[in-house]
């Protein structure tokens, strides 16, 4: 076994142990004879025991999140004692702020470890630049520096007085900017001034950074890292690049040439960022193959809003053949329809038939019947959709697509819920009608935003999060879904009845806003979603659809082009200011 020591700092604001951290430790285990795990979060005993039992760590320390990573590393070094540290071939400090290794790390590690001209080394660096973190103080020039998420010191450095002096005198600073200035960006120069030589896998200091917002390649240029097979990718690169057009391409490249589980990136970024980024959606989409032999032990309820009662037999056929064991709660709009349903369907699975009136389409009835279904494991919400304003095939194709996506593979969907406790919603893919004729555009979505925002303020979230205005939302088209009751309980409890217009409903009503909130409310409640794929169309069809959209809204686009360009410019300026004036955001 080698004689290398890794001091690994972990932090999670929700006191979780993410899958990407476990994966990282599994692969680092091959390179380090000893791993000491320092958590600035209060992890559950089972998590720490699990790491020990898997032989991923050789010791651990739980501490308060004071002084950030540098004090944590310093505390670990004092725990060992500097005399003992000097006996290791190398001492490496690392934190969990990156995904990886996404490429082989053993070869570059061994190359640097055996290079006698290198005394300490890291993964990436950043060039000297000026910042003005405090308005009442002058600019500060930060030196060239190795970025501190991974730095390995060889024995020559560790045994020196300079090493002891630097790490023994690290102070607890509450201001993260001071930590960055006093320790992270000063560390490289300090040891180089002491006569030691440094190196990095990717020296970015002379790289052309035109087209980037900021010259920090680790955060603002994921493609450059992939091009050079850099093994670790900063988590903040996915935050800052969340809506960048290259980020989905980065994910595709990793799928093509890396064994790294993309689900670890998507799961963690769903927690720390937002749940519906474009680069996440392929990972959250499942193509099910219906299996009639499968069965589930979940207690299932179904709410069916039956405005068009002639469609009830169609739904019952799907429910009986694919859902199998369920309790059915039916709502309808009139006494006459209720009596007809009672007469035609005297079935044991029908637990309640309720008259809810002809207002609010399927949403207000859903809210009204929700308290009766709260004790089920899983609930399906469906309604008898037709399109009276279009050819019958529009409503027919839309409804059938959702039935094929959510009802035919019902047992496989239930299995997904059983194996993933964080799964709160299963929605259908976008109905294929919208592959041929464009769906909601940013022009129409902005007219719905004010309703979304007003409703968001009414929801009683335990841990509220910001709802972002977007050009496009991931949503359950037609509001038909499978869900855990606790994922949507507080959304379904709000009162929107007075704001619901009478028929005919305009395209930008509060009901359309409700449809768009479902995924995000579940996310704030601690649940993720999955998409059941309907079908896959080729890129030529998407191209036809895109051009149809451009032709249709051409006039509006010319009117809004200047405004959107200005908006984009200010967005870029904001990112630059955040980075330059608030470096702790890195």
Protein backbone atom coordinates (compact mmCIF):
# COMPACT_ATOMS: atom_id res chain seq x y z
CA UNK A 1 0.00 0.00 0.00
CA UNK A 2 1.27 3.50 -0.86
CA UNK A 3 2.10 6.08 1.79
CA UNK A 4 -0.09 8.95 0.58
CA UNK A 5 -2.58 10.79 2.80
CA UNK A 6 -5.75 12.50 1.56
CA UNK A 7 -7.51 15.07 3.75
CA UNK A 8 -10.99 15.29 2.22
CA UNK A 9 -13.45 18.02 3.26
CA UNK A 10 -17.19 17.49 2.83
CA UNK A 11 -20.04 19.96 3.20
CA UNK A 12 -23.75 19.68 2.41
CA UNK A 13 -26.21 22.29 3.63
CA UNK A 14 -28.89 19.60 4.05
CA UNK A 15 -26.51 17.26 5.91
CA UNK A 16 -26.73 14.68 3.12
CA UNK A 17 -24.06 12.41 1.70
CA UNK A 18 -24.47 12.73 -2.06
CA UNK A 19 -23.81 9.82 -4.40
CA UNK A 20 -21.11 11.77 -6.24
CA UNK A 21 -19.07 11.99 -3.01
CA UNK A 22 -19.21 8.23 -2.44
CA UNK A 23 -18.20 7.61 -6.06
CA UNK A 24 -15.32 10.04 -5.70
CA UNK A 25 -14.01 8.35 -2.58
CA UNK A 26 -14.29 4.93 -4.24
CA UNK A 27 -11.97 6.03 -7.03
CA UNK A 28 -9.59 8.03 -4.84
CA UNK A 29 -9.21 5.00 -2.61
CA UNK A 30 -7.06 3.41 -5.33
CA UNK A 31 -4.57 6.29 -5.17
CA UNK A 32 -4.29 6.98 -1.45
CA UNK A 33 -3.12 4.65 1.26
CA UNK A 34 -5.01 6.67 3.85
CA UNK A 35 -8.11 8.89 3.56
CA UNK A 36 -9.21 11.14 6.41
CA UNK A 37 -12.76 12.44 6.00
CA UNK A 38 -13.66 15.84 7.49
CA UNK A 39 -17.34 16.79 7.38
CA UNK A 40 -18.42 20.37 8.00
CA UNK A 41 -21.97 18.99 8.06
CA UNK A 42 -23.59 16.78 10.68
CA UNK A 43 -23.96 13.53 8.76
CA UNK A 44 -26.12 10.68 9.97
CA UNK A 45 -24.30 7.92 11.82
CA UNK A 46 -25.31 5.42 9.13
CA UNK A 47 -23.55 7.51 6.47
CA UNK A 48 -20.28 7.63 8.37
CA UNK A 49 -20.53 3.96 9.28
CA UNK A 50 -21.23 3.12 5.65
CA UNK A 51 -18.09 4.92 4.48
CA UNK A 52 -16.01 3.08 7.08
CA UNK A 53 -17.56 -0.32 6.36
CA UNK A 54 -16.83 0.11 2.65
CA UNK A 55 -13.21 0.95 3.57
CA UNK A 56 -13.53 4.29 1.79
CA UNK A 57 -12.19 6.25 4.77
CA UNK A 58 -9.68 5.45 7.50
CA UNK A 59 -10.79 8.09 9.94
CA UNK A 60 -13.16 11.01 10.20
CA UNK A 61 -13.85 14.26 11.96
CA UNK A 62 -17.19 16.05 12.24
CA UNK A 63 -16.95 19.74 13.01
CA UNK A 64 -18.90 22.98 12.83
CA UNK A 65 -18.77 24.77 9.49
CA UNK A 66 -16.40 27.45 10.73
CA UNK A 67 -13.50 28.80 8.73
CA UNK A 68 -14.54 26.90 5.63
CA UNK A 69 -12.22 24.32 4.03
CA UNK A 70 -8.94 25.87 5.15
CA UNK A 71 -9.66 25.66 8.85
CA UNK A 72 -11.04 22.15 8.33
CA UNK A 73 -7.79 21.05 6.67
CA UNK A 74 -5.79 22.83 9.36
CA UNK A 75 -7.77 21.09 12.12
CA UNK A 76 -7.14 17.72 10.48
CA UNK A 77 -3.41 18.41 10.25
CA UNK A 78 -3.26 19.37 13.92
CA UNK A 79 -5.23 16.22 14.72
CA UNK A 80 -2.49 14.16 13.03
CA UNK A 81 0.39 16.35 14.21
CA UNK A 82 2.86 17.95 11.80
CA UNK A 83 5.65 15.55 12.80
CA UNK A 84 3.50 12.59 11.73
CA UNK A 85 2.45 14.32 8.50
CA UNK A 86 6.11 14.65 7.55
CA UNK A 87 6.34 10.85 7.37
CA UNK A 88 3.91 10.59 4.46
CA UNK A 89 5.15 10.61 0.88
CA UNK A 90 2.52 13.25 0.13
CA UNK A 91 -0.37 15.03 1.82
CA UNK A 92 -3.26 16.09 -0.42
CA UNK A 93 -6.05 18.49 0.47
CA UNK A 94 -9.31 18.17 -1.44
CA UNK A 95 -12.98 19.07 -1.11
CA UNK A 96 -16.23 17.77 -2.57
CA UNK A 97 -16.97 20.78 -4.79
CA UNK A 98 -16.44 18.87 -8.02
CA UNK A 99 -17.76 15.83 -9.86
CA UNK A 100 -15.41 13.10 -10.92
CA UNK A 101 -13.16 11.57 -11.79
CA UNK A 102 -14.92 11.72 -15.14
CA UNK A 103 -11.72 10.60 -16.89
CA UNK A 104 -8.83 8.44 -15.75
CA UNK A 105 -7.00 10.13 -12.91
CA UNK A 106 -4.42 7.49 -12.09
CA UNK A 107 -2.09 8.21 -15.03
CA UNK A 108 -1.80 12.00 -14.51
CA UNK A 109 -1.58 11.46 -10.77
CA UNK A 110 1.31 9.04 -11.10
CA UNK A 111 3.02 11.32 -13.65
CA UNK A 112 3.08 14.31 -11.32
CA UNK A 113 3.77 12.21 -8.24
CA UNK A 114 6.92 10.82 -9.83
CA UNK A 115 8.11 14.11 -11.36
CA UNK A 116 11.04 15.22 -9.20
CA UNK A 117 10.84 18.78 -10.56
CA UNK A 118 7.35 19.27 -9.04
CA UNK A 119 6.96 19.85 -5.29
CA UNK A 120 3.22 20.54 -5.13
CA UNK A 121 0.51 20.42 -7.77
CA UNK A 122 -3.18 20.77 -8.54
CA UNK A 123 -5.78 20.31 -11.26
CA UNK A 124 -6.41 23.83 -12.58
CA UNK A 125 -5.19 27.34 -11.87
CA UNK A 126 -6.37 30.90 -12.40
CA UNK A 127 -4.39 33.89 -13.54
CA UNK A 128 -3.65 37.01 -11.57
CA UNK A 129 -6.54 39.49 -11.56
CA UNK A 130 -7.96 42.39 -9.60
CA UNK A 131 -11.08 42.34 -7.43
CA UNK A 132 -12.87 44.94 -5.36
CA UNK A 133 -14.79 42.88 -2.78
CA UNK A 134 -15.50 45.78 -0.41
CA UNK A 135 -16.90 49.08 -1.62
CA UNK A 136 -15.04 51.15 0.96
CA UNK A 137 -11.62 49.59 0.28
CA UNK A 138 -9.29 49.73 -2.74
CA UNK A 139 -8.90 47.01 -5.38
CA UNK A 140 -6.89 43.94 -4.50
CA UNK A 141 -4.64 42.13 -6.95
CA UNK A 142 -4.86 38.37 -6.57
CA UNK A 143 -1.78 36.41 -7.72
CA UNK A 144 -1.66 33.42 -10.06
CA UNK A 145 -2.84 30.47 -7.99
CA UNK A 146 -3.70 26.79 -8.00
CA UNK A 147 -7.39 26.38 -7.30
CA UNK A 148 -7.79 24.82 -3.89
CA UNK A 149 -10.31 22.05 -4.57
CA UNK A 150 -7.31 19.73 -5.10
CA UNK A 151 -3.71 20.41 -4.07
CA UNK A 152 -1.11 17.71 -3.43
CA UNK A 153 2.05 18.46 -1.42
CA UNK A 154 5.03 16.13 -1.61
CA UNK A 155 7.02 15.16 1.46
CA UNK A 156 9.64 17.81 0.78
CA UNK A 157 7.02 20.51 1.26
CA UNK A 158 5.16 18.84 4.14
CA UNK A 159 8.35 18.42 6.16
CA UNK A 160 9.29 22.08 5.77
CA UNK A 161 8.89 24.87 8.32
CA UNK A 162 6.97 26.82 5.67
CA UNK A 163 4.27 24.16 5.54
CA UNK A 164 3.89 24.09 9.31
CA UNK A 165 3.80 27.88 9.51
CA UNK A 166 1.14 28.22 6.82
CA UNK A 167 -1.23 25.54 8.08
CA UNK A 168 -0.66 26.01 11.79
CA UNK A 169 -1.63 29.67 11.66
CA UNK A 170 -4.85 29.41 9.63
CA UNK A 171 -7.47 31.53 11.39
CA UNK A 172 -11.23 31.12 11.59
CA UNK A 173 -12.58 33.86 9.33
CA UNK A 174 -16.33 34.38 9.02
CA UNK A 175 -15.98 36.34 5.77
CA UNK A 176 -15.42 33.89 2.93
CA UNK A 177 -13.89 36.66 0.82
CA UNK A 178 -11.14 37.04 3.38
CA UNK A 179 -10.57 33.28 3.29
CA UNK A 180 -10.17 33.40 -0.49
CA UNK A 181 -7.80 36.37 -0.36
CA UNK A 182 -5.76 35.33 2.68
CA UNK A 183 -5.47 31.61 1.98
CA UNK A 184 -6.77 30.21 -1.31
CA UNK A 185 -5.28 32.72 -3.72
CA UNK A 186 -2.19 33.40 -1.56
CA UNK A 187 -1.19 29.77 -0.98
CA UNK A 188 0.57 29.10 -4.29
CA UNK A 189 2.70 32.24 -4.16
CA UNK A 190 3.55 31.57 -0.51
CA UNK A 191 5.05 28.16 -1.22
CA UNK A 192 6.71 29.28 -4.46
CA UNK A 193 8.34 32.17 -2.57
CA UNK A 194 9.59 29.55 -0.10
CA UNK A 195 11.47 27.90 -2.97
CA UNK A 196 9.05 25.15 -4.01
CA UNK A 197 7.93 24.43 -7.58
CA UNK A 198 4.29 23.97 -8.57
CA UNK A 199 2.40 22.49 -11.52
CA UNK A 200 -1.17 21.85 -12.68
CA UNK A 201 -2.83 19.47 -15.11
CA UNK A 202 -4.30 22.40 -17.02
CA UNK A 203 -2.37 25.67 -16.92
CA UNK A 204 -4.96 28.22 -18.00
CA UNK A 205 -2.93 31.38 -17.49
CA UNK A 206 -1.99 31.90 -21.14
CA UNK A 207 -5.11 30.39 -22.68
CA UNK A 208 -7.29 32.58 -24.86
CA UNK A 209 -10.46 33.33 -22.92
CA UNK A 210 -12.28 35.37 -25.55
CA UNK A 211 -15.97 34.55 -25.52
CA UNK A 212 -15.90 33.66 -21.81
CA UNK A 213 -17.54 35.83 -19.17
CA UNK A 214 -14.59 35.39 -16.79
CA UNK A 215 -11.17 33.79 -17.27
CA UNK A 216 -11.78 31.04 -14.69
CA UNK A 217 -11.73 27.96 -16.94
CA UNK A 218 -12.77 25.61 -14.14
CA UNK A 219 -16.14 27.38 -13.89
CA UNK A 220 -16.71 29.05 -17.25
CA UNK A 221 -15.27 26.66 -19.82
CA UNK A 222 -16.35 23.07 -19.35
CA UNK A 223 -15.62 22.25 -23.03
CA UNK A 224 -11.95 23.15 -22.57
CA UNK A 225 -11.74 20.79 -19.59
CA UNK A 226 -13.31 17.94 -21.56
CA UNK A 227 -11.02 18.58 -24.50
CA UNK A 228 -8.04 18.01 -22.19
CA UNK A 229 -9.67 15.13 -20.27
CA UNK A 230 -9.46 16.97 -16.96
CA UNK A 231 -10.74 14.45 -14.39
CA UNK A 232 -12.70 16.79 -12.11
CA UNK A 233 -15.47 19.21 -13.10
CA UNK A 234 -16.51 21.95 -10.70
CA UNK A 235 -20.10 21.81 -9.48
CA UNK A 236 -20.35 25.57 -9.94
CA UNK A 237 -19.55 25.14 -13.62
CA UNK A 238 -22.95 23.49 -13.95
CA UNK A 239 -24.58 26.26 -11.89
CA UNK A 240 -23.11 29.09 -13.95
CA UNK A 241 -23.56 27.11 -17.16
CA UNK A 242 -27.05 25.90 -16.31
CA UNK A 243 -28.67 27.54 -19.33
CA UNK A 244 -25.61 27.60 -21.57
CA UNK A 245 -26.12 25.94 -24.92
CA UNK A 246 -22.92 23.91 -24.52
CA UNK A 247 -23.90 22.22 -21.23
CA UNK A 248 -26.19 19.58 -22.81
CA UNK A 249 -23.35 18.88 -25.25
CA UNK A 250 -20.97 18.43 -22.31
CA UNK A 251 -23.33 15.82 -20.87
CA UNK A 252 -23.56 14.07 -24.24
CA UNK A 253 -19.78 13.99 -24.54
CA UNK A 254 -19.44 12.50 -21.08
CA UNK A 255 -22.00 9.84 -21.99
CA UNK A 256 -19.97 9.01 -25.08
CA UNK A 257 -16.46 8.80 -23.63
CA UNK A 258 -16.73 8.53 -19.85
CA UNK A 259 -18.04 5.88 -17.47
CA UNK A 260 -19.08 8.52 -14.96
CA UNK A 261 -22.74 8.10 -13.91
CA UNK A 262 -24.52 11.19 -15.27
CA UNK A 263 -27.29 10.59 -12.73
CA UNK A 264 -24.90 11.75 -9.97
CA UNK A 265 -24.54 15.14 -11.67
CA UNK A 266 -28.27 15.46 -12.32
CA UNK A 267 -29.32 14.38 -8.81
CA UNK A 268 -26.93 16.73 -7.06
CA UNK A 269 -27.64 19.72 -9.30
CA UNK A 270 -31.38 19.14 -8.83
CA UNK A 271 -30.77 19.59 -5.09
CA UNK A 272 -28.45 22.58 -5.23
CA UNK A 273 -29.63 24.35 -8.37
CA UNK A 274 -32.93 23.81 -10.22
CA UNK A 275 -34.77 20.65 -11.29
CA UNK A 276 -35.44 21.18 -15.01
CA UNK A 277 -32.23 22.34 -16.66
CA UNK A 278 -32.04 21.25 -20.29
CA UNK A 279 -28.97 19.10 -19.71
CA UNK A 280 -30.89 17.09 -17.06
CA UNK A 281 -33.92 16.11 -19.10
CA UNK A 282 -32.55 13.13 -21.01
CA UNK A 283 -31.44 11.56 -17.73
CA UNK A 284 -34.90 12.15 -16.26
CA UNK A 285 -36.70 10.61 -19.25
CA UNK A 286 -37.53 6.90 -19.15
CA UNK A 287 -38.69 4.74 -22.03
CA UNK A 288 -40.87 2.07 -20.46
CA UNK A 289 -41.76 -1.31 -21.90
CA UNK A 290 -45.16 -2.38 -20.52
CA UNK A 291 -45.08 -5.69 -18.66
CA UNK A 292 -48.48 -7.15 -17.81
CA UNK A 293 -46.91 -9.74 -15.50
CA UNK A 294 -45.52 -7.08 -13.14
CA UNK A 295 -47.34 -6.06 -9.97
CA UNK A 296 -47.00 -3.49 -7.22
CA UNK A 297 -47.74 -3.41 -3.51
CA UNK A 298 -48.44 0.33 -3.47
CA UNK A 299 -51.84 1.51 -2.34
CA UNK A 300 -53.15 3.33 -5.41
CA UNK A 301 -55.88 5.95 -5.77
CA UNK A 302 -57.04 7.49 -9.03
CA UNK A 303 -58.93 10.72 -9.47
CA UNK A 304 -60.83 10.91 -12.76
CA UNK A 305 -62.61 14.12 -13.63
CA UNK A 306 -65.34 13.04 -16.05
CA UNK A 307 -66.76 15.99 -17.94
CA UNK A 308 -67.15 13.87 -21.08
CA UNK A 309 -68.66 10.73 -19.58
CA UNK A 310 -68.54 8.90 -22.94
CA UNK A 311 -64.79 8.56 -22.37
CA UNK A 312 -65.14 6.76 -19.02
CA UNK A 313 -65.09 3.25 -20.60
CA UNK A 314 -61.80 4.09 -22.31
CA UNK A 315 -60.19 5.06 -19.01
CA UNK A 316 -61.65 2.10 -17.11
CA UNK A 317 -60.16 -0.20 -19.71
CA UNK A 318 -56.71 1.27 -19.11
CA UNK A 319 -57.15 1.30 -15.33
CA UNK A 320 -58.32 -2.31 -15.13
CA UNK A 321 -55.77 -3.76 -17.55
CA UNK A 322 -52.67 -1.82 -16.50
CA UNK A 323 -53.18 -0.27 -13.05
CA UNK A 324 -55.12 -3.34 -11.82
CA UNK A 325 -55.60 -2.68 -8.08
CA UNK A 326 -56.86 0.82 -7.35
CA UNK A 327 -59.56 2.92 -5.71
CA UNK A 328 -61.35 5.35 -8.01
CA UNK A 329 -62.63 8.80 -7.12
CA UNK A 330 -64.74 10.40 -9.84
CA UNK A 331 -65.78 14.02 -10.10
CA UNK A 332 -68.21 15.47 -12.62
CA UNK A 333 -70.06 18.71 -13.17
CA UNK A 334 -73.78 17.87 -12.83
CA UNK A 335 -76.28 15.75 -10.92
CA UNK A 336 -77.45 14.25 -14.19
CA UNK A 337 -73.98 12.99 -15.07
CA UNK A 338 -73.46 11.67 -11.55
CA UNK A 339 -76.62 9.59 -11.76
CA UNK A 340 -75.58 8.29 -15.17
CA UNK A 341 -72.17 7.26 -13.84
CA UNK A 342 -73.73 5.54 -10.83
CA UNK A 343 -76.08 3.63 -13.11
CA UNK A 344 -73.53 2.60 -15.71
CA UNK A 345 -70.57 1.84 -13.43
CA UNK A 346 -71.64 0.18 -10.14
CA UNK A 347 -68.08 -0.98 -9.55
CA UNK A 348 -66.41 -1.89 -6.22
CA UNK A 349 -63.34 0.23 -7.02
CA UNK A 350 -65.48 3.39 -7.29
CA UNK A 351 -65.21 4.87 -3.81
CA UNK A 352 -66.82 8.25 -4.42
CA UNK A 353 -68.63 10.24 -7.11
CA UNK A 354 -68.71 13.96 -6.39
CA UNK A 355 -70.37 16.90 -8.15
CA UNK A 356 -67.92 19.80 -8.41
CA UNK A 357 -69.62 22.07 -10.95
CA UNK A 358 -68.38 23.29 -14.29
CA UNK A 359 -65.65 25.65 -13.16
CA UNK A 360 -61.92 25.16 -13.01
CA UNK A 361 -61.96 22.25 -15.48
CA UNK A 362 -60.11 19.35 -13.82
CA UNK A 363 -58.03 21.45 -11.40
CA UNK A 364 -60.64 22.72 -8.92
CA UNK A 365 -62.29 19.26 -8.78
CA UNK A 366 -58.85 17.78 -8.12
CA UNK A 367 -58.30 20.21 -5.25
CA UNK A 368 -61.73 19.43 -3.87
CA UNK A 369 -61.30 15.65 -3.81
CA UNK A 370 -57.67 15.67 -2.61
CA UNK A 371 -58.41 15.34 1.16
CA UNK A 372 -60.13 11.99 0.52
CA UNK A 373 -56.98 10.53 -1.06
CA UNK A 374 -54.28 11.65 1.38
CA UNK A 375 -53.68 8.17 2.88
CA UNK A 376 -52.65 6.49 -0.37
CA UNK A 377 -49.07 5.72 -1.41
CA UNK A 378 -49.59 7.01 -4.92
CA UNK A 379 -52.29 8.98 -6.73
CA UNK A 380 -53.08 9.25 -10.42
CA UNK A 381 -54.88 12.34 -11.69
CA UNK A 382 -56.62 12.04 -15.07
CA UNK A 383 -59.49 13.66 -16.93
CA UNK A 384 -61.58 13.09 -20.04
CA UNK A 385 -59.74 15.44 -22.36
CA UNK A 386 -61.21 16.52 -25.70
CA UNK A 387 -60.42 19.48 -27.96
CA UNK A 388 -63.66 21.11 -29.01
CA UNK A 389 -61.90 24.03 -30.69
CA UNK A 390 -59.80 21.82 -33.02
CA UNK A 391 -60.20 18.71 -35.12
CA UNK A 392 -61.02 15.70 -32.97
CA UNK A 393 -57.63 14.17 -33.66
CA UNK A 394 -55.84 16.95 -31.74
CA UNK A 395 -57.51 16.12 -28.43
CA UNK A 396 -57.54 12.43 -29.30
CA UNK A 397 -53.80 12.27 -30.01
CA UNK A 398 -52.98 14.32 -26.92
CA UNK A 399 -55.08 12.11 -24.64
CA UNK A 400 -53.83 8.85 -26.18
CA UNK A 401 -50.19 9.92 -25.89
CA UNK A 402 -50.68 10.52 -22.17
CA UNK A 403 -52.52 7.23 -21.75
CA UNK A 404 -49.73 5.37 -23.53
CA UNK A 405 -47.09 7.11 -21.41
CA UNK A 406 -48.75 6.96 -17.98
CA UNK A 407 -51.26 4.10 -18.02
CA UNK A 408 -49.91 1.36 -20.28
CA UNK A 409 -46.61 1.13 -18.32
CA UNK A 410 -48.32 1.74 -14.96
CA UNK A 411 -46.66 -1.21 -13.21
CA UNK A 412 -43.19 -0.16 -14.37
CA UNK A 413 -43.94 3.39 -13.21
CA UNK A 414 -44.96 2.07 -9.79
CA UNK A 415 -41.67 0.18 -9.59
CA UNK A 416 -39.79 3.43 -10.21
CA UNK A 417 -41.60 4.99 -7.25
CA UNK A 418 -40.85 1.94 -5.09
CA UNK A 419 -37.10 1.96 -5.78
CA UNK A 420 -36.64 5.76 -5.62
CA UNK A 421 -38.07 7.43 -2.49
CA UNK A 422 -37.14 10.86 -3.86
CA UNK A 423 -39.36 10.40 -6.90
CA UNK A 424 -42.48 12.48 -6.35
CA UNK A 425 -43.93 12.84 -9.85
CA UNK A 426 -44.18 10.91 -13.07
CA UNK A 427 -45.30 13.07 -15.97
CA UNK A 428 -45.78 12.26 -19.63
CA UNK A 429 -43.46 13.52 -22.32
CA UNK A 430 -44.65 16.41 -24.50
CA UNK A 431 -47.60 15.14 -26.60
CA UNK A 432 -46.50 14.39 -30.14
CA UNK A 433 -48.89 17.02 -31.50
CA UNK A 434 -46.32 19.59 -30.40
CA UNK A 435 -43.58 17.86 -32.38
CA UNK A 436 -45.51 18.88 -35.47
CA UNK A 437 -46.95 22.18 -34.28
CA UNK A 438 -45.01 24.28 -31.80
CA UNK A 439 -46.08 24.38 -28.18
CA UNK A 440 -45.92 27.25 -25.68
CA UNK A 441 -43.42 29.98 -26.59
CA UNK A 442 -41.64 32.46 -24.37
CA UNK A 443 -44.05 35.06 -25.77
CA UNK A 444 -47.09 33.28 -24.37
CA UNK A 445 -45.36 32.05 -21.22
CA UNK A 446 -44.56 35.56 -20.03
CA UNK A 447 -48.31 36.31 -19.99
CA UNK A 448 -48.83 33.48 -17.48
CA UNK A 449 -45.93 34.35 -15.19
CA UNK A 450 -47.79 36.76 -12.90
CA UNK A 451 -50.33 34.05 -12.04
CA UNK A 452 -47.52 31.60 -11.31
CA UNK A 453 -45.76 34.07 -9.05
CA UNK A 454 -48.96 34.96 -7.14
CA UNK A 455 -49.78 31.29 -6.53
CA UNK A 456 -46.21 30.54 -5.48
CA UNK A 457 -46.50 33.08 -2.66
CA UNK A 458 -49.59 31.29 -1.34
CA UNK A 459 -48.03 27.84 -1.04
CA UNK A 460 -47.05 26.89 2.50
CA UNK A 461 -43.56 25.54 1.87
CA UNK A 462 -41.52 24.29 4.82
CA UNK A 463 -38.29 25.44 3.14
CA UNK A 464 -39.26 27.96 0.43
CA UNK A 465 -37.17 28.36 -2.71
CA UNK A 466 -37.21 30.87 -5.52
CA UNK A 467 -39.43 30.22 -8.52
CA UNK A 468 -37.62 31.31 -11.67
CA UNK A 469 -39.33 32.91 -14.63
CA UNK A 470 -38.36 30.92 -17.69
CA UNK A 471 -38.96 30.81 -21.43
CA UNK A 472 -40.08 27.19 -21.16
CA UNK A 473 -41.32 25.09 -18.25
CA UNK A 474 -41.28 21.35 -17.72
CA UNK A 475 -44.88 20.52 -17.01
CA UNK A 476 -47.47 17.77 -16.99
CA UNK A 477 -49.40 18.62 -20.15
CA UNK A 478 -53.10 18.51 -19.29
CA UNK A 479 -52.09 18.10 -15.59
CA UNK A 480 -52.34 14.29 -15.87
CA UNK A 481 -49.77 12.66 -13.58
CA UNK A 482 -48.83 10.04 -11.00
CA UNK A 483 -47.68 11.57 -7.71
CA UNK A 484 -47.00 10.98 -4.05
CA UNK A 485 -49.61 12.87 -1.96
CA UNK A 486 -46.97 14.68 0.12
CA UNK A 487 -45.24 15.97 -3.02
CA UNK A 488 -48.18 18.21 -3.94
CA UNK A 489 -50.27 18.48 -0.77
CA UNK A 490 -49.53 22.16 -0.10
CA UNK A 491 -50.01 23.15 -3.76
CA UNK A 492 -53.42 21.47 -3.84
CA UNK A 493 -54.43 23.21 -0.61
CA UNK A 494 -54.21 26.78 -1.90
CA UNK A 495 -57.41 28.59 -2.85
CA UNK A 496 -57.54 29.81 -6.44
CA UNK A 497 -61.29 29.46 -7.06
CA UNK A 498 -62.03 33.18 -7.24
CA UNK A 499 -59.30 33.76 -9.83
CA UNK A 500 -60.52 31.00 -12.16
CA UNK A 501 -62.42 32.46 -15.13
CA UNK A 502 -65.64 31.09 -16.57
CA UNK A 503 -65.63 29.12 -19.80
CA UNK A 504 -64.31 29.56 -22.41
CA UNK A 505 -60.93 29.62 -20.65
CA UNK A 506 -58.29 31.90 -22.25
CA UNK A 507 -54.87 30.43 -23.03
CA UNK A 508 -53.19 32.45 -20.26
CA UNK A 509 -55.42 31.61 -17.31
CA UNK A 510 -54.50 30.75 -13.74
CA UNK A 511 -55.26 27.11 -14.60
CA UNK A 512 -52.44 27.15 -17.14
CA UNK A 513 -50.21 28.66 -14.47
CA UNK A 514 -51.15 25.88 -12.05
CA UNK A 515 -50.22 23.32 -14.71
CA UNK A 516 -46.73 24.80 -14.84
CA UNK A 517 -46.20 24.86 -11.07
CA UNK A 518 -46.60 21.15 -10.38
CA UNK A 519 -43.00 20.06 -11.06
CA UNK A 520 -41.51 22.98 -9.13
CA UNK A 521 -43.78 22.67 -6.09
CA UNK A 522 -42.83 19.00 -5.77
CA UNK A 523 -39.15 19.96 -6.05
CA UNK A 524 -39.36 22.47 -3.19
CA UNK A 525 -41.13 19.78 -1.16
CA UNK A 526 -38.06 17.58 -1.61
CA UNK A 527 -39.15 15.45 -4.57
CA UNK A 528 -37.86 14.97 -8.09
CA UNK A 529 -39.74 14.07 -11.26
CA UNK A 530 -39.35 11.67 -14.15
CA UNK A 531 -40.71 11.85 -17.69
CA UNK A 532 -42.32 8.85 -19.34
CA UNK A 533 -41.30 8.95 -22.97
CA UNK A 534 -44.02 8.94 -25.60
CA UNK A 535 -42.07 8.48 -28.79
CA UNK A 536 -38.87 9.67 -30.43
CA UNK A 537 -39.07 11.85 -33.53
CA UNK A 538 -36.10 12.63 -35.74
CA UNK A 539 -34.37 15.98 -36.03
CA UNK A 540 -35.97 16.78 -39.39
CA UNK A 541 -39.39 16.92 -37.72
CA UNK A 542 -38.01 19.21 -35.01
CA UNK A 543 -36.57 21.43 -37.76
CA UNK A 544 -39.93 21.69 -39.50
CA UNK A 545 -41.53 22.62 -36.18
CA UNK A 546 -38.88 25.24 -35.35
CA UNK A 547 -39.28 26.96 -38.71
CA UNK A 548 -43.06 26.87 -38.40
CA UNK A 549 -42.64 28.65 -35.09
CA UNK A 550 -40.34 31.28 -36.59
CA UNK A 551 -42.73 32.00 -39.43
CA UNK A 552 -45.67 32.28 -37.08
CA UNK A 553 -44.09 34.68 -34.61
CA UNK A 554 -41.79 36.48 -37.04
CA UNK A 555 -43.41 39.85 -36.47
CA UNK A 556 -43.25 39.56 -32.73
CA UNK A 557 -39.61 38.45 -32.84
CA UNK A 558 -38.58 41.56 -34.76
CA UNK A 559 -40.33 43.72 -32.18
CA UNK A 560 -38.77 42.00 -29.21
CA UNK A 561 -35.27 41.38 -30.57
CA UNK A 562 -33.72 44.59 -29.24
CA UNK A 563 -35.29 44.17 -25.84
CA UNK A 564 -34.04 40.61 -25.52
CA UNK A 565 -30.52 41.58 -26.60
CA UNK A 566 -30.44 44.26 -23.89
CA UNK A 567 -31.77 41.74 -21.38
CA UNK A 568 -29.02 39.27 -22.34
CA UNK A 569 -26.35 41.96 -22.04
CA UNK A 570 -27.43 42.88 -18.51
CA UNK A 571 -27.52 39.20 -17.53
CA UNK A 572 -23.88 38.81 -18.63
CA UNK A 573 -22.87 41.96 -16.77
CA UNK A 574 -24.50 40.60 -13.61
CA UNK A 575 -22.51 37.36 -13.82
CA UNK A 576 -19.25 39.25 -14.27
CA UNK A 577 -19.99 41.53 -11.31
CA UNK A 578 -20.90 38.58 -9.09
CA UNK A 579 -17.64 36.86 -9.97
CA UNK A 580 -15.38 39.90 -9.67
CA UNK A 581 -16.96 41.56 -6.65
CA UNK A 582 -18.05 38.45 -4.81
CA UNK A 583 -15.42 35.74 -5.40
CA UNK A 584 -16.99 33.52 -2.72
CA UNK A 585 -19.62 32.69 -5.35
CA UNK A 586 -17.01 30.64 -7.18
